[in-house]
């Protein structure tokens, strides 16, 4: 049971990291989203 949970947790963390990298790339490019990022 714990083994299954750690596997899911690891996948979730990897997914979040990938998502974060994507956001950082978009923010670095200063695309249309930059006013939105400043607002947040």
N, C-alpha and C. Protein backbone atom coordinates (compact mmCIF):
# COMPACT_ATOMS: atom_id res chain seq x y z
N UNK A 1 0.83 -1.20 0.00
CA UNK A 1 0.00 0.00 0.00
C UNK A 1 0.87 1.26 0.00
N UNK A 2 1.83 1.31 0.92
CA UNK A 2 2.72 2.47 0.99
C UNK A 2 3.56 2.60 -0.28
N UNK A 3 3.92 1.43 -0.85
CA UNK A 3 4.71 1.41 -2.08
C UNK A 3 3.94 2.07 -3.21
N UNK A 4 2.64 1.74 -3.31
CA UNK A 4 1.77 2.30 -4.33
C UNK A 4 1.68 3.82 -4.16
N UNK A 5 1.52 4.25 -2.92
CA UNK A 5 1.38 5.68 -2.64
C UNK A 5 2.64 6.45 -3.04
N UNK A 6 3.81 5.90 -2.69
CA UNK A 6 5.06 6.59 -3.02
C UNK A 6 5.25 6.68 -4.53
N UNK A 7 4.79 5.66 -5.26
CA UNK A 7 4.89 5.67 -6.71
C UNK A 7 4.03 6.79 -7.29
N UNK A 8 2.79 6.91 -6.78
CA UNK A 8 1.87 7.96 -7.23
C UNK A 8 2.43 9.34 -6.87
N UNK A 9 2.96 9.45 -5.64
CA UNK A 9 3.51 10.72 -5.18
C UNK A 9 4.67 11.16 -6.06
N UNK A 10 5.53 10.20 -6.42
CA UNK A 10 6.69 10.52 -7.26
C UNK A 10 6.23 11.02 -8.63
N UNK A 11 5.22 10.36 -9.20
CA UNK A 11 4.70 10.76 -10.51
C UNK A 11 4.08 12.15 -10.42
N UNK A 12 3.36 12.43 -9.33
CA UNK A 12 2.72 13.73 -9.15
C UNK A 12 3.77 14.83 -9.06
N UNK A 13 4.85 14.56 -8.32
CA UNK A 13 5.92 15.55 -8.16
C UNK A 13 6.59 15.81 -9.50
N UNK A 14 6.86 14.76 -10.27
CA UNK A 14 7.48 14.93 -11.59
C UNK A 14 6.57 15.76 -12.50
N UNK A 15 5.27 15.49 -12.44
CA UNK A 15 4.31 16.23 -13.25
C UNK A 15 4.29 17.71 -12.88
N UNK A 16 4.32 17.99 -11.58
CA UNK A 16 4.32 19.38 -11.11
C UNK A 16 5.58 20.10 -11.55
N UNK A 17 6.72 19.41 -11.46
CA UNK A 17 7.99 20.02 -11.86
C UNK A 17 7.99 20.35 -13.35
N UNK A 18 7.44 19.44 -14.16
CA UNK A 18 7.37 19.66 -15.60
C UNK A 18 6.47 20.87 -15.88
N UNK A 19 5.34 20.93 -15.18
CA UNK A 19 4.39 22.04 -15.34
C UNK A 19 5.05 23.36 -14.96
N UNK A 20 5.81 23.34 -13.86
CA UNK A 20 6.51 24.53 -13.38
C UNK A 20 7.53 25.01 -14.41
N UNK A 21 8.25 24.07 -15.03
CA UNK A 21 9.24 24.42 -16.06
C UNK A 21 8.55 25.10 -17.23
N UNK A 22 7.39 24.57 -17.61
CA UNK A 22 6.63 25.13 -18.72
C UNK A 22 6.23 26.57 -18.41
N UNK A 23 5.73 26.82 -17.20
CA UNK A 23 5.32 28.16 -16.78
C UNK A 23 6.53 29.09 -16.79
N UNK A 24 7.66 28.61 -16.29
CA UNK A 24 8.88 29.43 -16.26
C UNK A 24 9.32 29.80 -17.67
N UNK A 25 9.21 28.86 -18.61
CA UNK A 25 9.59 29.12 -20.00
C UNK A 25 8.71 30.22 -20.58
N UNK A 26 7.40 30.10 -20.36
CA UNK A 26 6.45 31.09 -20.89
C UNK A 26 6.73 32.46 -20.26
N UNK A 27 6.97 32.47 -18.95
CA UNK A 27 7.23 33.73 -18.24
C UNK A 27 8.53 34.36 -18.73
N UNK A 28 9.54 33.54 -18.98
CA UNK A 28 10.84 34.03 -19.44
C UNK A 28 10.71 34.66 -20.82
N UNK A 29 9.86 34.07 -21.67
CA UNK A 29 9.66 34.62 -23.00
C UNK A 29 8.90 35.93 -22.95
N UNK A 30 8.23 36.20 -21.82
CA UNK A 30 7.48 37.45 -21.67
C UNK A 30 6.35 37.54 -22.68
N UNK A 31 5.69 36.41 -22.91
CA UNK A 31 4.60 36.36 -23.88
C UNK A 31 3.40 37.17 -23.41
N UNK A 32 2.26 36.94 -24.02
CA UNK A 32 1.03 37.66 -23.73
C UNK A 32 0.65 37.57 -22.25
N UNK A 33 1.23 36.60 -21.55
CA UNK A 33 0.83 36.33 -20.17
C UNK A 33 1.51 37.24 -19.15
N UNK A 34 2.53 38.00 -19.56
CA UNK A 34 3.29 38.75 -18.57
C UNK A 34 2.43 39.68 -17.69
N UNK A 35 1.42 40.37 -18.21
CA UNK A 35 0.58 41.18 -17.30
C UNK A 35 -0.13 40.31 -16.28
N UNK A 36 -0.55 39.12 -16.73
CA UNK A 36 -1.22 38.17 -15.84
C UNK A 36 -0.28 37.73 -14.73
N UNK A 37 0.97 37.44 -15.06
CA UNK A 37 1.94 37.01 -14.06
C UNK A 37 2.22 38.12 -13.06
N UNK A 38 2.28 39.35 -13.55
CA UNK A 38 2.52 40.48 -12.65
C UNK A 38 1.34 40.66 -11.71
N UNK A 39 0.13 40.40 -12.22
CA UNK A 39 -1.07 40.51 -11.40
C UNK A 39 -1.11 39.50 -10.28
N UNK A 40 -0.52 38.34 -10.53
CA UNK A 40 -0.50 37.26 -9.53
C UNK A 40 0.67 37.49 -8.59
